[in-house]
């Protein structure tokens, strides 16, 4: 597809430039036009029309290709919903009939894997809606969302102790996007918590506080944390793009983001909702 597109653009560009030279030669050499303003106006119209056709030739195939991918993604997402629901329903039914502890543990692993698959499903659905420029804002409780994310992350980090003090907080925003923000902040807190393995989360005065008691950061590191691919500890896994995404989301959704950190004592991340 892209090879043909390059060839078509090259051919059209070659023909256009050749026509432009021939057109200029005809006016100057054959007709000997002396009114440069008329000539300039005609040439400008010719250039504008050529630009329109070239841009159309370049963009239309790409637009159709992206639209095809979006439709394919939506159809695939729809097909995934049925098996996920089937697994969830049957595991719930089996949990009521299985009695031995070994079978219950195996079933629990299936349920957890299905929940992770559901998370991937929700993630793909969110990305499709964002690409389609759909309105993804909704009214929800931040405190309930935090509980959901902690319950999910607790399965990934069973050794981490989460301490929650959550006052009710209702907002209208991008719920899935905020979920990703909370996940990233907690994930960073766990990775850089050292031997502490404790995360405190509380909501007060329309502000969400997420605190770890790990290695902390100095002022120089705090300035750099929002840079893409920056990691204060190169031995940690990941690509260093999480906090950059967090900042972009907060800026876009008018959420005031701030970091307070002390080396060897930990970090507090604040999300103030307006």
Protein backbone atom coordinates (compact mmCIF):
# COMPACT_ATOMS: atom_id res chain seq x y z
CA UNK A 1 0.00 0.00 0.00
CA UNK A 2 2.64 2.54 1.05
CA UNK A 3 4.90 1.64 -1.87
CA UNK A 4 2.07 2.41 -4.32
CA UNK A 5 1.32 5.61 -2.44
CA UNK A 6 4.93 6.78 -2.78
CA UNK A 7 4.90 6.00 -6.50
CA UNK A 8 1.64 7.87 -7.06
CA UNK A 9 2.84 10.93 -5.15
CA UNK A 10 6.14 10.93 -7.05
CA UNK A 11 4.37 10.67 -10.42
CA UNK A 12 1.90 13.43 -9.56
CA UNK A 13 4.70 15.64 -8.20
CA UNK A 14 6.80 15.06 -11.33
CA UNK A 15 3.86 15.87 -13.62
CA UNK A 16 2.98 18.97 -11.59
CA UNK A 17 6.52 20.39 -11.63
CA UNK A 18 6.84 19.67 -15.33
CA UNK A 19 3.50 21.37 -15.99
CA UNK A 20 4.56 24.34 -13.88
CA UNK A 21 7.78 24.78 -15.90
CA UNK A 22 5.93 24.37 -19.20
CA UNK A 23 3.26 26.83 -18.07
CA UNK A 24 5.86 29.45 -17.09
CA UNK A 25 7.75 28.94 -20.38
CA UNK A 26 4.53 29.33 -22.38
CA UNK A 27 3.66 32.64 -20.70
CA UNK A 28 7.16 34.07 -20.78
CA UNK A 29 8.56 32.60 -24.00
CA UNK A 30 5.56 32.18 -26.28
CA UNK A 31 2.96 34.74 -25.20
CA UNK A 32 5.54 37.16 -23.83
CA UNK A 33 3.21 38.29 -21.07
CA UNK A 34 4.40 41.49 -19.44
CA UNK A 35 1.75 41.81 -16.70
CA UNK A 36 3.56 40.06 -13.87
CA UNK A 37 0.63 40.48 -11.44
CA UNK A 38 -1.70 38.45 -13.67
CA UNK A 39 1.01 35.85 -14.19
CA UNK A 40 1.68 35.63 -10.45
CA UNK A 41 -2.03 35.23 -9.73
CA UNK A 42 -2.42 32.46 -12.30
CA UNK A 43 0.67 30.65 -11.01
CA UNK A 44 -0.55 30.96 -7.41
CA UNK A 45 -3.89 29.35 -8.33
CA UNK A 46 -2.02 26.60 -10.15
CA UNK A 47 0.21 25.94 -7.12
CA UNK A 48 -2.74 25.91 -4.71
CA UNK A 49 -4.68 23.44 -6.83
CA UNK A 50 -1.61 21.23 -7.11
CA UNK A 51 -1.16 21.33 -3.35
CA UNK A 52 -4.78 20.33 -2.78
CA UNK A 53 -4.52 17.37 -5.15
CA UNK A 54 -1.20 16.18 -3.71
CA UNK A 55 -2.47 16.39 -0.12
CA UNK A 56 -5.65 14.56 -1.10
CA UNK A 57 -3.64 11.89 -2.86
CA UNK A 58 -1.45 11.43 0.22
CA UNK A 59 -4.04 11.65 3.01
CA UNK A 60 -7.11 9.84 1.63
CA UNK A 61 -5.53 6.35 1.44
CA UNK A 62 -4.10 6.76 4.94
CA UNK A 63 -7.46 7.93 6.26
CA UNK A 64 -9.19 4.91 4.73
CA UNK A 65 -6.53 2.60 6.17
CA UNK A 66 -6.88 4.05 9.69
CA UNK A 67 -10.67 3.84 9.44
CA UNK A 68 -10.37 0.19 8.42
CA UNK A 69 -8.14 -0.52 11.45
CA UNK A 70 -10.60 1.22 13.77
CA UNK A 71 -13.52 -0.81 12.41
CA UNK A 72 -11.50 -4.00 12.72
CA UNK A 73 -10.57 -3.14 16.31
CA UNK A 74 -14.20 -2.44 17.23
CA UNK A 75 -15.36 -5.72 15.70
CA UNK A 76 -12.59 -7.67 17.44
CA UNK A 77 -13.40 -5.96 20.73
CA UNK A 78 -17.05 -6.90 20.36
CA UNK A 79 -16.13 -10.54 19.70
CA UNK A 80 -13.91 -10.65 22.80
CA UNK A 81 -16.72 -9.59 25.10
CA UNK A 82 -18.61 -12.89 24.81
CA UNK A 83 -15.80 -15.29 25.85
CA UNK A 84 -14.79 -13.02 28.75
CA UNK A 85 -18.36 -12.93 30.04
CA UNK A 86 -18.67 -16.71 29.57
CA UNK A 87 -15.51 -17.38 31.61
CA UNK A 88 -16.63 -15.03 34.37
CA UNK A 89 -20.10 -16.60 34.59
CA UNK A 90 -18.86 -20.19 34.62
CA UNK A 91 -16.11 -19.58 37.17
CA UNK A 92 -18.68 -18.03 39.50
CA UNK A 93 -20.90 -21.11 39.09
CA UNK A 94 -17.97 -23.48 39.64
CA UNK A 95 -16.86 -21.68 42.78
CA UNK A 96 -20.17 -22.68 44.40
CA UNK A 97 -19.69 -26.39 43.64
CA UNK A 98 -15.96 -26.97 44.17
CA UNK A 99 -15.05 -27.85 47.73
CA UNK A 100 -11.42 -29.00 47.78
CA UNK A 101 -8.85 -26.28 48.44
CA UNK A 102 -6.57 -27.14 45.50
CA UNK A 103 -9.40 -26.78 42.97
CA UNK A 104 -10.48 -23.50 44.58
CA UNK A 105 -6.96 -22.11 44.20
CA UNK A 106 -6.84 -23.12 40.55
CA UNK A 107 -10.23 -21.52 39.97
CA UNK A 108 -9.03 -18.36 41.70
CA UNK A 109 -6.06 -18.16 39.31
CA UNK A 110 -8.48 -18.46 36.37
CA UNK A 111 -10.64 -15.68 37.82
CA UNK A 112 -7.64 -13.40 38.31
CA UNK A 113 -6.42 -14.09 34.77
CA UNK A 114 -9.90 -13.31 33.46
CA UNK A 115 -9.92 -10.02 35.39
CA UNK A 116 -6.59 -9.09 33.82
CA UNK A 117 -8.03 -9.96 30.42
CA UNK A 118 -11.01 -7.73 31.24
CA UNK A 119 -8.56 -4.92 32.07
CA UNK A 120 -6.94 -5.34 28.66
CA UNK A 121 -10.39 -5.29 27.07
CA UNK A 122 -11.27 -2.05 28.86
CA UNK A 123 -7.90 -0.58 27.86
CA UNK A 124 -8.48 -1.36 24.17
CA UNK A 125 -12.02 0.01 24.34
CA UNK A 126 -10.66 3.21 25.90
CA UNK A 127 -7.95 3.63 23.26
CA UNK A 128 -10.47 3.14 20.43
CA UNK A 129 -12.76 5.79 21.90
CA UNK A 130 -9.83 8.19 22.31
CA UNK A 131 -8.73 7.65 18.70
CA UNK A 132 -12.32 8.21 17.54
CA UNK A 133 -12.45 11.49 19.52
CA UNK A 134 -15.44 10.24 21.48
CA UNK A 135 -16.42 11.95 24.72
CA UNK A 136 -15.17 9.61 27.45
CA UNK A 137 -16.03 11.83 30.42
CA UNK A 138 -18.49 10.55 33.03
CA UNK A 139 -19.52 11.20 36.61
CA UNK A 140 -17.98 8.85 39.18
CA UNK A 141 -16.64 8.58 42.73
CA UNK A 142 -12.89 8.96 43.02
CA UNK A 143 -12.91 7.10 46.35
CA UNK A 144 -14.66 4.09 44.79
CA UNK A 145 -12.28 4.16 41.83
CA UNK A 146 -9.29 4.13 44.19
CA UNK A 147 -10.71 1.10 45.99
CA UNK A 148 -11.16 -0.70 42.67
CA UNK A 149 -7.60 0.03 41.55
CA UNK A 150 -6.09 -0.96 44.90
CA UNK A 151 -8.07 -4.23 44.87
CA UNK A 152 -6.70 -4.97 41.39
CA UNK A 153 -3.10 -3.98 42.20
CA UNK A 154 -3.15 -5.92 45.45
CA UNK A 155 -3.27 -9.12 43.38
CA UNK A 156 -0.15 -7.99 41.51
CA UNK A 157 1.65 -6.81 44.66
CA UNK A 158 0.37 -9.12 47.45
CA UNK A 159 3.20 -8.13 49.81
CA UNK A 160 2.37 -4.40 49.72
CA UNK A 161 0.32 -2.95 52.57
CA UNK A 162 -2.21 -0.36 51.37
CA UNK A 163 -3.64 2.01 53.98
CA UNK A 164 -6.72 3.91 52.78
CA UNK A 165 -8.49 6.94 54.26
CA UNK A 166 -10.94 8.02 51.58
CA UNK A 167 -13.48 10.80 51.91
CA UNK A 168 -16.29 10.80 49.30
CA UNK A 169 -15.36 12.74 46.17
CA UNK A 170 -17.56 13.00 43.08
CA UNK A 171 -16.13 14.37 39.83
CA UNK A 172 -16.84 14.32 36.11
CA UNK A 173 -13.82 13.32 34.08
CA UNK A 174 -12.18 10.56 32.06
CA UNK A 175 -12.57 7.60 34.44
CA UNK A 176 -10.42 5.15 32.49
CA UNK A 177 -7.69 7.73 32.01
CA UNK A 178 -7.67 8.52 35.74
CA UNK A 179 -7.47 4.77 36.44
CA UNK A 180 -4.29 4.63 34.37
CA UNK A 181 -2.91 7.63 36.26
CA UNK A 182 -3.61 6.05 39.66
CA UNK A 183 -2.11 2.74 38.51
CA UNK A 184 1.06 4.45 37.28
CA UNK A 185 1.56 6.45 40.47
CA UNK A 186 1.01 3.44 42.73
CA UNK A 187 3.21 1.27 40.50
CA UNK A 188 6.04 3.79 40.78
CA UNK A 189 5.53 4.02 44.53
CA UNK A 190 5.84 0.25 44.87
CA UNK A 191 8.89 0.00 42.60
CA UNK A 192 10.77 2.70 44.51
CA UNK A 193 9.51 1.80 47.98
CA UNK A 194 12.67 -0.09 48.93
CA UNK A 195 12.07 -2.25 52.00
CA UNK A 196 9.02 -0.31 53.18
CA UNK A 197 6.30 -1.97 51.05
CA UNK A 198 3.68 0.43 52.37
CA UNK A 199 1.49 2.80 50.38
CA UNK A 200 -0.82 5.33 52.06
CA UNK A 201 -3.72 6.72 50.03
CA UNK A 202 -6.19 9.28 51.29
CA UNK A 203 -8.61 11.89 49.94
CA UNK A 204 -9.07 15.26 51.63
CA UNK A 205 -10.33 18.65 50.39
CA UNK A 206 -10.85 17.39 46.81
CA UNK A 207 -7.27 16.17 46.70
CA UNK A 208 -5.99 12.62 46.26
CA UNK A 209 -2.75 11.88 48.12
CA UNK A 210 -0.63 8.81 47.29
CA UNK A 211 2.38 8.37 49.57
CA UNK A 212 5.20 5.85 49.65
CA UNK A 213 8.03 5.50 52.15
CA UNK A 214 10.77 4.51 49.76
CA UNK A 215 13.97 5.96 48.37
CA UNK A 216 12.52 9.39 47.59
CA UNK A 217 13.98 12.02 45.26
CA UNK A 218 15.93 15.24 45.48
CA UNK A 219 14.88 18.48 43.76
CA UNK A 220 16.95 17.76 40.66
CA UNK A 221 15.24 14.41 40.09
CA UNK A 222 11.76 15.90 40.63
CA UNK A 223 12.39 18.34 37.79
CA UNK A 224 13.29 15.45 35.44
CA UNK A 225 10.61 12.89 36.31
CA UNK A 226 8.16 14.11 33.67
CA UNK A 227 10.67 13.68 30.85
CA UNK A 228 9.97 10.74 28.55
CA UNK A 229 12.14 7.68 29.28
CA UNK A 230 13.64 9.18 32.45
CA UNK A 231 14.19 6.76 35.34
CA UNK A 232 15.80 7.72 38.63
CA UNK A 233 16.98 4.12 38.96
CA UNK A 234 18.12 2.52 35.71
CA UNK A 235 17.91 -0.98 37.23
CA UNK A 236 14.12 -0.74 37.52
CA UNK A 237 11.99 -2.37 34.86
CA UNK A 238 9.86 -0.22 32.58
CA UNK A 239 10.29 2.43 29.92
CA UNK A 240 10.06 5.56 32.05
CA UNK A 241 7.04 7.01 30.24
CA UNK A 242 4.44 6.57 33.00
CA UNK A 243 4.80 9.92 34.76
CA UNK A 244 5.01 11.75 31.45
CA UNK A 245 1.61 10.27 30.58
CA UNK A 246 0.33 11.19 34.04
CA UNK A 247 1.30 14.84 33.56
CA UNK A 248 -0.28 15.05 30.09
CA UNK A 249 -3.53 13.62 31.42
CA UNK A 250 -3.61 16.00 34.39
CA UNK A 251 -2.87 19.04 32.21
CA UNK A 252 -5.59 18.04 29.75
CA UNK A 253 -8.19 17.46 32.47
CA UNK A 254 -7.35 20.48 34.67
CA UNK A 255 -6.01 18.37 37.54
CA UNK A 256 -3.31 20.06 39.61
CA UNK A 257 -0.41 17.61 39.95
CA UNK A 258 2.41 18.05 42.46
CA UNK A 259 5.22 15.95 43.98
CA UNK A 260 6.76 16.31 47.43
CA UNK A 261 9.73 14.07 48.09
CA UNK A 262 12.63 13.63 50.48
CA UNK A 263 15.57 11.30 49.76
CA UNK A 264 15.42 8.08 51.81
CA UNK A 265 12.04 9.08 53.31
CA UNK A 266 9.61 8.75 50.43
CA UNK A 267 7.35 10.65 48.05
CA UNK A 268 3.86 12.14 48.19
CA UNK A 269 1.95 12.65 44.94
CA UNK A 270 -1.02 15.04 45.06
CA UNK A 271 -3.85 15.23 42.55
CA UNK A 272 -6.09 18.23 43.22
CA UNK A 273 -9.40 18.15 41.38
CA UNK A 274 -11.01 21.46 40.47
